[in-house]
Amino acid sequence: MKDITRILQKNSQLIIEEWERQVFELVKASTSANRIALRDHIPNILDDIIDIMERHDQID
C-alpha cells in the first residue's frame, strides 16, 4: 500500500480537481453550492484516507 499512498499524495491536487468536477456533474444539489464550501473538507478527507492506509499497511 505504500505505493498507493505515494501516488495519492503526489496526485492529491488532481484527485481533488477531478472529485470537484464529478460532484458538479453528477450531484444536482451541487449547482447551488458554493465551490469553496465543496472544496473545504476534501483535502482533509484525502489526507485521512492516506493516513489510514499507511497505518494499516500490513492489512491485505
C-alpha atoms as a PDB file:
ATOM      1  CA  MET A   1       0.000   0.000   0.000  1.00  0.00           C
ATOM      2  CA  LYS A   2       2.991   2.317   0.287  1.00  0.00           C
ATOM      3  CA  ASP A   3       2.963   2.755  -3.487  1.00  0.00           C
ATOM      4  CA  ILE A   4      -0.707   3.665  -3.432  1.00  0.00           C
ATOM      5  CA  THR A   5      -0.261   6.220  -0.675  1.00  0.00           C
ATOM      6  CA  ARG A   6       2.639   7.813  -2.544  1.00  0.00           C
ATOM      7  CA  ILE A   7       0.515   8.039  -5.689  1.00  0.00           C
ATOM      8  CA  LEU A   8      -2.342   9.604  -3.744  1.00  0.00           C
ATOM      9  CA  GLN A   9      -0.010  12.132  -2.118  1.00  0.00           C
ATOM     10  CA  LYS A  10       1.697  13.011  -5.388  1.00  0.00           C
ATOM     11  CA  ASN A  11      -1.594  13.455  -7.232  1.00  0.00           C
ATOM     12  CA  SER A  12      -3.731  14.938  -4.466  1.00  0.00           C
ATOM     13  CA  GLN A  13      -4.441  18.180  -6.340  1.00  0.00           C
ATOM     14  CA  LEU A  14      -5.529  16.302  -9.474  1.00  0.00           C
ATOM     15  CA  ILE A  15      -7.699  13.976  -7.371  1.00  0.00           C
ATOM     16  CA  ILE A  16      -9.371  16.945  -5.686  1.00  0.00           C
ATOM     17  CA  GLU A  17      -9.990  18.669  -9.022  1.00  0.00           C
ATOM     18  CA  GLU A  18     -11.491  15.503 -10.524  1.00  0.00           C
ATOM     19  CA  TRP A  19     -13.647  14.966  -7.437  1.00  0.00           C
ATOM     20  CA  GLU A  20     -14.936  18.532  -7.730  1.00  0.00           C
ATOM     21  CA  ARG A  21     -15.663  18.119 -11.448  1.00  0.00           C
ATOM     22  CA  GLN A  22     -17.611  14.926 -10.845  1.00  0.00           C
ATOM     23  CA  VAL A  23     -19.572  16.412  -7.953  1.00  0.00           C
ATOM     24  CA  PHE A  24     -20.726  19.313 -10.129  1.00  0.00           C
ATOM     25  CA  GLU A  25     -21.522  16.935 -12.974  1.00  0.00           C
ATOM     26  CA  LEU A  26     -23.308  14.193 -11.026  1.00  0.00           C
ATOM     27  CA  VAL A  27     -24.812  15.791  -7.902  1.00  0.00           C
ATOM     28  CA  LYS A  28     -27.712  18.081  -8.775  1.00  0.00           C
ATOM     29  CA  ALA A  29     -27.655  19.900  -5.427  1.00  0.00           C
ATOM     30  CA  SER A  30     -24.060  20.975  -6.050  1.00  0.00           C
ATOM     31  CA  THR A  31     -25.143  23.548  -8.617  1.00  0.00           C
ATOM     32  CA  SER A  32     -26.491  25.735  -5.819  1.00  0.00           C
ATOM     33  CA  ALA A  33     -23.499  25.115  -3.542  1.00  0.00           C
ATOM     34  CA  ASN A  34     -20.520  27.371  -3.124  1.00  0.00           C
ATOM     35  CA  ARG A  35     -17.428  25.961  -4.842  1.00  0.00           C
ATOM     36  CA  ILE A  36     -15.252  26.893  -1.855  1.00  0.00           C
ATOM     37  CA  ALA A  37     -17.602  25.094   0.529  1.00  0.00           C
ATOM     38  CA  LEU A  38     -17.415  21.937  -1.581  1.00  0.00           C
ATOM     39  CA  ARG A  39     -13.602  22.032  -1.587  1.00  0.00           C
ATOM     40  CA  ASP A  40     -13.244  22.908   2.083  1.00  0.00           C
ATOM     41  CA  HIS A  41     -13.038  19.400   3.554  1.00  0.00           C
ATOM     42  CA  ILE A  42     -11.893  17.195   0.698  1.00  0.00           C
ATOM     43  CA  PRO A  43      -8.133  17.719   1.283  1.00  0.00           C
ATOM     44  CA  ASN A  44      -8.600  16.622   4.898  1.00  0.00           C
ATOM     45  CA  ILE A  45     -10.605  13.579   3.846  1.00  0.00           C
ATOM     46  CA  LEU A  46      -7.945  12.589   1.324  1.00  0.00           C
ATOM     47  CA  ASP A  47      -5.227  13.048   3.969  1.00  0.00           C
ATOM     48  CA  ASP A  48      -7.242  10.875   6.372  1.00  0.00           C
ATOM     49  CA  ILE A  49      -7.562   8.126   3.750  1.00  0.00           C
ATOM     50  CA  ILE A  50      -3.808   8.227   3.128  1.00  0.00           C
ATOM     51  CA  ASP A  51      -3.111   8.144   6.874  1.00  0.00           C
ATOM     52  CA  ILE A  52      -5.400   5.150   7.417  1.00  0.00           C
ATOM     53  CA  MET A  53      -3.785   3.285   4.528  1.00  0.00           C
ATOM     54  CA  GLU A  54      -0.312   3.990   5.909  1.00  0.00           C
ATOM     55  CA  ARG A  55      -1.249   2.849   9.435  1.00  0.00           C
ATOM     56  CA  HIS A  56      -2.792  -0.356   8.124  1.00  0.00           C
ATOM     57  CA  ASP A  57      -0.126  -1.137   5.581  1.00  0.00           C
ATOM     58  CA  GLN A  58       0.133  -4.772   6.646  1.00  0.00           C
ATOM     59  CA  ILE A  59      -3.570  -5.495   6.132  1.00  0.00           C
ATOM     60  CA  ASP A  60      -4.382  -7.320   2.885  1.00  0.00           C
END
